[in-house]
Amino acid sequence: GQKKALRSLAERLKSDQIDESYPVYFLQTDVSE
């Protein structure tokens, strides 16, 4: 299901130590929801 997939994507982002000196870019295809 998509809800679980999106939750997994968010959890992966939270778990990594992000270098904030670079931008974080989000990607979509046809819809933004």
All heavy atoms as atom14 arrays in JSON, in Angstrom:
{
  "sequence": "GQKKALRSLAERLKSDQIDESYPVYFLQTDVSE",
  "atom14_mask": [
    [1, 1, 1, 1, 0, 0, 0, 0, 0, 0, 0, 0, 0, 0],
    [1, 1, 1, 1, 1, 1, 1, 1, 1, 0, 0, 0, 0, 0],
    [1, 1, 1, 1, 1, 1, 1, 1, 1, 0, 0, 0, 0, 0],
    [1, 1, 1, 1, 1, 1, 1, 1, 1, 0, 0, 0, 0, 0],
    [1, 1, 1, 1, 1, 0, 0, 0, 0, 0, 0, 0, 0, 0],
    [1, 1, 1, 1, 1, 1, 1, 1, 0, 0, 0, 0, 0, 0],
    [1, 1, 1, 1, 1, 1, 1, 1, 1, 1, 1, 0, 0, 0],
    [1, 1, 1, 1, 1, 1, 0, 0, 0, 0, 0, 0, 0, 0],
    [1, 1, 1, 1, 1, 1, 1, 1, 0, 0, 0, 0, 0, 0],
    [1, 1, 1, 1, 1, 0, 0, 0, 0, 0, 0, 0, 0, 0],
    [1, 1, 1, 1, 1, 1, 1, 1, 1, 0, 0, 0, 0, 0],
    [1, 1, 1, 1, 1, 1, 1, 1, 1, 1, 1, 0, 0, 0],
    [1, 1, 1, 1, 1, 1, 1, 1, 0, 0, 0, 0, 0, 0],
    [1, 1, 1, 1, 1, 1, 1, 1, 1, 0, 0, 0, 0, 0],
    [1, 1, 1, 1, 1, 1, 0, 0, 0, 0, 0, 0, 0, 0],
    [1, 1, 1, 1, 1, 1, 1, 1, 0, 0, 0, 0, 0, 0],
    [1, 1, 1, 1, 1, 1, 1, 1, 1, 0, 0, 0, 0, 0],
    [1, 1, 1, 1, 1, 1, 1, 1, 0, 0, 0, 0, 0, 0],
    [1, 1, 1, 1, 1, 1, 1, 1, 0, 0, 0, 0, 0, 0],
    [1, 1, 1, 1, 1, 1, 1, 1, 1, 0, 0, 0, 0, 0],
    [1, 1, 1, 1, 1, 1, 0, 0, 0, 0, 0, 0, 0, 0],
    [1, 1, 1, 1, 1, 1, 1, 1, 1, 1, 1, 1, 0, 0],
    [1, 1, 1, 1, 1, 1, 1, 0, 0, 0, 0, 0, 0, 0],
    [1, 1, 1, 1, 1, 1, 1, 0, 0, 0, 0, 0, 0, 0],
    [1, 1, 1, 1, 1, 1, 1, 1, 1, 1, 1, 1, 0, 0],
    [1, 1, 1, 1, 1, 1, 1, 1, 1, 1, 1, 0, 0, 0],
    [1, 1, 1, 1, 1, 1, 1, 1, 0, 0, 0, 0, 0, 0],
    [1, 1, 1, 1, 1, 1, 1, 1, 1, 0, 0, 0, 0, 0],
    [1, 1, 1, 1, 1, 1, 1, 0, 0, 0, 0, 0, 0, 0],
    [1, 1, 1, 1, 1, 1, 1, 1, 0, 0, 0, 0, 0, 0],
    [1, 1, 1, 1, 1, 1, 1, 0, 0, 0, 0, 0, 0, 0],
    [1, 1, 1, 1, 1, 1, 0, 0, 0, 0, 0, 0, 0, 0],
    [1, 1, 1, 1, 1, 1, 1, 1, 1, 0, 0, 0, 0, 0]
  ],
  "atom14_positions": [
    [[0.8, -1.21, 0.0], [0.0, 0.0, 0.0], [0.84, 1.26, 0.0], [1.95, 1.29, 0.53], [0.0, 0.0, 0.0], [0.0, 0.0, 0.0], [0.0, 0.0, 0.0], [0.0, 0.0, 0.0], [0.0, 0.0, 0.0], [0.0, 0.0, 0.0], [0.0, 0.0, 0.0], [0.0, 0.0, 0.0], [0.0, 0.0, 0.0], [0.0, 0.0, 0.0]],
    [[0.3, 2.32, -0.6], [1.07, 3.55, -0.74], [1.34, 4.24, 0.59], [2.42, 4.8, 0.8], [0.36, 4.52, -1.69], [1.22, 5.72, -2.04], [0.5, 6.72, -2.92], [-0.59, 7.15, -2.59], [1.1, 7.06, -4.05], [0.0, 0.0, 0.0], [0.0, 0.0, 0.0], [0.0, 0.0, 0.0], [0.0, 0.0, 0.0], [0.0, 0.0, 0.0]],
    [[0.38, 4.21, 1.51], [0.59, 4.88, 2.79], [1.79, 4.32, 3.52], [2.6, 5.06, 4.08], [-0.67, 4.77, 3.66], [-1.82, 5.65, 3.21], [-2.98, 5.6, 4.19], [-4.11, 6.53, 3.75], [-5.27, 6.49, 4.69], [0.0, 0.0, 0.0], [0.0, 0.0, 0.0], [0.0, 0.0, 0.0], [0.0, 0.0, 0.0], [0.0, 0.0, 0.0]],
    [[1.93, 3.0, 3.51], [3.07, 2.38, 4.18], [4.36, 2.69, 3.43], [5.42, 2.89, 4.06], [2.87, 0.86, 4.27], [1.78, 0.45, 5.26], [1.69, -1.06, 5.38], [0.63, -1.46, 6.4], [0.5, -2.94, 6.51], [0.0, 0.0, 0.0], [0.0, 0.0, 0.0], [0.0, 0.0, 0.0], [0.0, 0.0, 0.0], [0.0, 0.0, 0.0]],
    [[4.3, 2.76, 2.12], [5.49, 3.08, 1.33], [5.96, 4.5, 1.63], [7.16, 4.74, 1.81], [5.19, 2.92, -0.15], [0.0, 0.0, 0.0], [0.0, 0.0, 0.0], [0.0, 0.0, 0.0], [0.0, 0.0, 0.0], [0.0, 0.0, 0.0], [0.0, 0.0, 0.0], [0.0, 0.0, 0.0], [0.0, 0.0, 0.0], [0.0, 0.0, 0.0]],
    [[5.03, 5.43, 1.69], [5.38, 6.82, 1.98], [5.91, 6.96, 3.4], [6.84, 7.73, 3.66], [4.17, 7.72, 1.77], [3.68, 7.84, 0.32], [2.35, 8.57, 0.27], [4.7, 8.55, -0.56], [0.0, 0.0, 0.0], [0.0, 0.0, 0.0], [0.0, 0.0, 0.0], [0.0, 0.0, 0.0], [0.0, 0.0, 0.0], [0.0, 0.0, 0.0]],
    [[5.34, 6.19, 4.32], [5.83, 6.2, 5.7], [7.27, 5.69, 5.76], [8.11, 6.24, 6.48], [4.91, 5.35, 6.58], [5.15, 5.53, 8.09], [4.2, 4.68, 8.9], [2.82, 4.96, 8.54], [1.95, 4.03, 8.16], [2.32, 2.75, 8.1], [0.71, 4.34, 7.86], [0.0, 0.0, 0.0], [0.0, 0.0, 0.0], [0.0, 0.0, 0.0]],
    [[7.55, 4.66, 4.99], [8.92, 4.12, 4.96], [9.9, 5.14, 4.4], [11.04, 5.26, 4.87], [8.95, 2.85, 4.09], [8.19, 1.82, 4.67], [0.0, 0.0, 0.0], [0.0, 0.0, 0.0], [0.0, 0.0, 0.0], [0.0, 0.0, 0.0], [0.0, 0.0, 0.0], [0.0, 0.0, 0.0], [0.0, 0.0, 0.0], [0.0, 0.0, 0.0]],
    [[9.46, 5.88, 3.39], [10.31, 6.92, 2.81], [10.62, 8.0, 3.85], [11.77, 8.43, 3.98], [9.6, 7.53, 1.6], [10.39, 8.51, 0.74], [11.62, 7.85, 0.15], [9.51, 9.07, -0.38], [0.0, 0.0, 0.0], [0.0, 0.0, 0.0], [0.0, 0.0, 0.0], [0.0, 0.0, 0.0], [0.0, 0.0, 0.0], [0.0, 0.0, 0.0]],
    [[9.62, 8.41, 4.6], [9.82, 9.42, 5.64], [10.74, 8.91, 6.74], [11.63, 9.64, 7.22], [8.47, 9.84, 6.23], [0.0, 0.0, 0.0], [0.0, 0.0, 0.0], [0.0, 0.0, 0.0], [0.0, 0.0, 0.0], [0.0, 0.0, 0.0], [0.0, 0.0, 0.0], [0.0, 0.0, 0.0], [0.0, 0.0, 0.0], [0.0, 0.0, 0.0]],
    [[10.57, 7.65, 7.13], [11.41, 7.07, 8.18], [12.86, 6.99, 7.74], [13.78, 7.21, 8.54], [10.88, 5.69, 8.56], [9.55, 5.75, 9.32], [8.93, 4.38, 9.5], [9.48, 3.39, 8.94], [7.89, 4.29, 10.17], [0.0, 0.0, 0.0], [0.0, 0.0, 0.0], [0.0, 0.0, 0.0], [0.0, 0.0, 0.0], [0.0, 0.0, 0.0]],
    [[13.08, 6.7, 6.46], [14.45, 6.64, 5.95], [15.09, 8.03, 6.01], [16.25, 8.17, 6.41], [14.45, 6.13, 4.5], [15.84, 6.05, 3.87], [16.74, 5.12, 4.68], [18.11, 5.18, 4.24], [18.66, 4.28, 3.4], [17.93, 3.29, 2.93], [19.92, 4.37, 3.06], [0.0, 0.0, 0.0], [0.0, 0.0, 0.0], [0.0, 0.0, 0.0]],
    [[14.34, 9.03, 5.65], [14.86, 10.4, 5.69], [15.19, 10.82, 7.12], [16.22, 11.45, 7.38], [13.82, 11.34, 5.08], [14.19, 12.82, 4.94], [15.45, 12.98, 4.12], [13.05, 13.57, 4.29], [0.0, 0.0, 0.0], [0.0, 0.0, 0.0], [0.0, 0.0, 0.0], [0.0, 0.0, 0.0], [0.0, 0.0, 0.0], [0.0, 0.0, 0.0]],
    [[14.34, 10.45, 8.07], [14.58, 10.8, 9.47], [15.81, 10.08, 10.04], [16.5, 10.62, 10.91], [13.36, 10.43, 10.32], [12.15, 11.31, 10.1], [10.99, 10.83, 10.96], [9.74, 11.66, 10.79], [8.6, 11.15, 11.6], [0.0, 0.0, 0.0], [0.0, 0.0, 0.0], [0.0, 0.0, 0.0], [0.0, 0.0, 0.0], [0.0, 0.0, 0.0]],
    [[16.08, 8.89, 9.56], [17.15, 8.07, 10.15], [18.54, 8.48, 9.69], [19.53, 8.2, 10.37], [16.92, 6.59, 9.83], [17.08, 6.35, 8.43], [0.0, 0.0, 0.0], [0.0, 0.0, 0.0], [0.0, 0.0, 0.0], [0.0, 0.0, 0.0], [0.0, 0.0, 0.0], [0.0, 0.0, 0.0], [0.0, 0.0, 0.0], [0.0, 0.0, 0.0]],
    [[18.65, 9.15, 8.55], [19.96, 9.56, 8.04], [20.41, 10.88, 8.65], [19.58, 11.74, 8.97], [19.91, 9.7, 6.51], [20.13, 8.38, 5.79], [20.68, 7.45, 6.41], [19.74, 8.29, 4.62], [0.0, 0.0, 0.0], [0.0, 0.0, 0.0], [0.0, 0.0, 0.0], [0.0, 0.0, 0.0], [0.0, 0.0, 0.0], [0.0, 0.0, 0.0]],
    [[21.72, 11.03, 8.81], [22.29, 12.3, 9.28], [22.52, 13.19, 8.06], [23.46, 12.98, 7.3], [23.59, 12.06, 10.03], [23.4, 11.36, 11.37], [24.69, 11.32, 12.17], [25.77, 11.11, 11.62], [24.58, 11.52, 13.47], [0.0, 0.0, 0.0], [0.0, 0.0, 0.0], [0.0, 0.0, 0.0], [0.0, 0.0, 0.0], [0.0, 0.0, 0.0]],
    [[21.67, 14.18, 7.9], [21.68, 15.01, 6.7], [22.65, 16.18, 6.85], [22.7, 16.83, 7.9], [20.26, 15.52, 6.4], [19.34, 14.33, 6.1], [20.26, 16.5, 5.24], [17.9, 14.71, 5.92], [0.0, 0.0, 0.0], [0.0, 0.0, 0.0], [0.0, 0.0, 0.0], [0.0, 0.0, 0.0], [0.0, 0.0, 0.0], [0.0, 0.0, 0.0]],
    [[23.4, 16.43, 5.82], [24.29, 17.59, 5.76], [23.46, 18.79, 5.32], [23.13, 18.93, 4.14], [25.44, 17.34, 4.79], [26.48, 18.44, 4.79], [26.18, 19.56, 5.27], [27.61, 18.21, 4.3], [0.0, 0.0, 0.0], [0.0, 0.0, 0.0], [0.0, 0.0, 0.0], [0.0, 0.0, 0.0], [0.0, 0.0, 0.0], [0.0, 0.0, 0.0]],
    [[23.12, 19.66, 6.25], [22.22, 20.77, 5.98], [22.88, 21.9, 5.2], [22.22, 22.88, 4.85], [21.63, 21.31, 7.29], [20.82, 20.31, 8.08], [19.51, 19.92, 7.41], [19.12, 20.56, 6.41], [18.86, 18.97, 7.9], [0.0, 0.0, 0.0], [0.0, 0.0, 0.0], [0.0, 0.0, 0.0], [0.0, 0.0, 0.0], [0.0, 0.0, 0.0]],
    [[24.16, 21.77, 4.88], [24.8, 22.78, 4.03], [24.43, 22.58, 2.57], [24.75, 23.43, 1.73], [26.32, 22.74, 4.21], [26.86, 21.49, 3.79], [0.0, 0.0, 0.0], [0.0, 0.0, 0.0], [0.0, 0.0, 0.0], [0.0, 0.0, 0.0], [0.0, 0.0, 0.0], [0.0, 0.0, 0.0], [0.0, 0.0, 0.0], [0.0, 0.0, 0.0]],
    [[23.76, 21.46, 2.28], [23.24, 21.2, 0.94], [21.71, 21.17, 1.01], [21.14, 20.84, 2.05], [23.75, 19.87, 0.4], [25.23, 19.84, 0.13], [26.13, 19.42, 1.12], [25.75, 20.25, -1.1], [27.49, 19.4, 0.88], [27.1, 20.23, -1.35], [27.97, 19.81, -0.36], [29.32, 19.81, -0.6], [0.0, 0.0, 0.0], [0.0, 0.0, 0.0]],
    [[21.04, 21.47, -0.08], [19.57, 21.46, -0.05], [19.01, 20.04, 0.03], [19.65, 19.08, -0.4], [19.19, 22.12, -1.38], [20.37, 21.86, -2.28], [21.57, 21.9, -1.39], [0.0, 0.0, 0.0], [0.0, 0.0, 0.0], [0.0, 0.0, 0.0], [0.0, 0.0, 0.0], [0.0, 0.0, 0.0], [0.0, 0.0, 0.0], [0.0, 0.0, 0.0]],
    [[17.81, 19.94, 0.57], [17.03, 18.72, 0.49], [15.96, 18.97, -0.55], [15.18, 19.92, -0.43], [16.39, 18.36, 1.84], [15.47, 17.14, 1.7], [17.47, 18.08, 2.89], [0.0, 0.0, 0.0], [0.0, 0.0, 0.0], [0.0, 0.0, 0.0], [0.0, 0.0, 0.0], [0.0, 0.0, 0.0], [0.0, 0.0, 0.0], [0.0, 0.0, 0.0]],
    [[15.95, 18.15, -1.6], [14.99, 18.33, -2.69], [14.0, 17.17, -2.68], [14.4, 16.0, -2.54], [15.71, 18.34, -4.04], [16.55, 19.58, -4.29], [17.8, 19.47, -4.9], [16.1, 20.84, -3.95], [18.57, 20.6, -5.17], [16.87, 21.97, -4.2], [18.1, 21.85, -4.8], [18.86, 22.97, -5.06], [0.0, 0.0, 0.0], [0.0, 0.0, 0.0]],
    [[12.73, 17.48, -2.88], [11.71, 16.45, -2.98], [11.27, 16.32, -4.44], [11.33, 17.27, -5.21], [10.53, 16.78, -2.08], [10.82, 16.58, -0.62], [11.41, 17.59, 0.12], [10.54, 15.38, 0.0], [11.71, 17.41, 1.45], [10.83, 15.18, 1.34], [11.41, 16.2, 2.08], [0.0, 0.0, 0.0], [0.0, 0.0, 0.0], [0.0, 0.0, 0.0]],
    [[10.83, 15.12, -4.79], [10.49, 14.8, -6.18], [9.07, 14.27, -6.27], [8.62, 13.52, -5.4], [11.45, 13.73, -6.72], [12.94, 14.05, -6.68], [13.76, 12.81, -7.05], [13.28, 15.2, -7.62], [0.0, 0.0, 0.0], [0.0, 0.0, 0.0], [0.0, 0.0, 0.0], [0.0, 0.0, 0.0], [0.0, 0.0, 0.0], [0.0, 0.0, 0.0]],
    [[8.4, 14.64, -7.34], [7.07, 14.11, -7.62], [6.97, 13.83, -9.12], [7.79, 14.28, -9.9], [5.98, 15.11, -7.24], [5.98, 16.36, -8.12], [4.77, 17.25, -7.92], [4.75, 18.03, -6.99], [3.79, 17.12, -8.81], [0.0, 0.0, 0.0], [0.0, 0.0, 0.0], [0.0, 0.0, 0.0], [0.0, 0.0, 0.0], [0.0, 0.0, 0.0]],
    [[5.95, 13.07, -9.5], [5.68, 12.89, -10.92], [4.49, 13.77, -11.29], [4.61, 14.97, -11.37], [5.46, 11.41, -11.27], [4.46, 10.85, -10.38], [6.74, 10.62, -11.15], [0.0, 0.0, 0.0], [0.0, 0.0, 0.0], [0.0, 0.0, 0.0], [0.0, 0.0, 0.0], [0.0, 0.0, 0.0], [0.0, 0.0, 0.0], [0.0, 0.0, 0.0]],
    [[3.32, 13.16, -11.46], [2.17, 13.93, -11.95], [1.39, 14.65, -10.86], [0.77, 15.67, -11.1], [1.24, 13.02, -12.74], [0.83, 11.79, -11.94], [1.62, 11.33, -11.12], [-0.28, 11.28, -12.16], [0.0, 0.0, 0.0], [0.0, 0.0, 0.0], [0.0, 0.0, 0.0], [0.0, 0.0, 0.0], [0.0, 0.0, 0.0], [0.0, 0.0, 0.0]],
    [[1.4, 14.12, -9.64], [0.61, 14.72, -8.55], [1.53, 15.0, -7.35], [2.55, 14.34, -7.17], [-0.56, 13.82, -8.12], [-1.58, 13.7, -9.23], [-0.07, 12.44, -7.7], [0.0, 0.0, 0.0], [0.0, 0.0, 0.0], [0.0, 0.0, 0.0], [0.0, 0.0, 0.0], [0.0, 0.0, 0.0], [0.0, 0.0, 0.0], [0.0, 0.0, 0.0]],
    [[1.14, 15.96, -6.53], [2.0, 16.38, -5.42], [1.59, 15.8, -4.07], [2.36, 15.88, -3.11], [2.01, 17.91, -5.32], [0.71, 18.41, -5.07], [0.0, 0.0, 0.0], [0.0, 0.0, 0.0], [0.0, 0.0, 0.0], [0.0, 0.0, 0.0], [0.0, 0.0, 0.0], [0.0, 0.0, 0.0], [0.0, 0.0, 0.0], [0.0, 0.0, 0.0]],
    [[0.4, 15.23, -3.98], [-0.1, 14.77, -2.67], [0.84, 13.77, -1.99], [1.1, 13.9, -0.78], [-1.5, 14.18, -2.81], [-2.59, 15.21, -3.05], [-2.68, 15.65, -4.51], [-1.9, 15.1, -5.34], [-3.5, 16.52, -4.82], [0.0, 0.0, 0.0], [0.0, 0.0, 0.0], [0.0, 0.0, 0.0], [0.0, 0.0, 0.0], [0.0, 0.0, 0.0]]
  ]
}
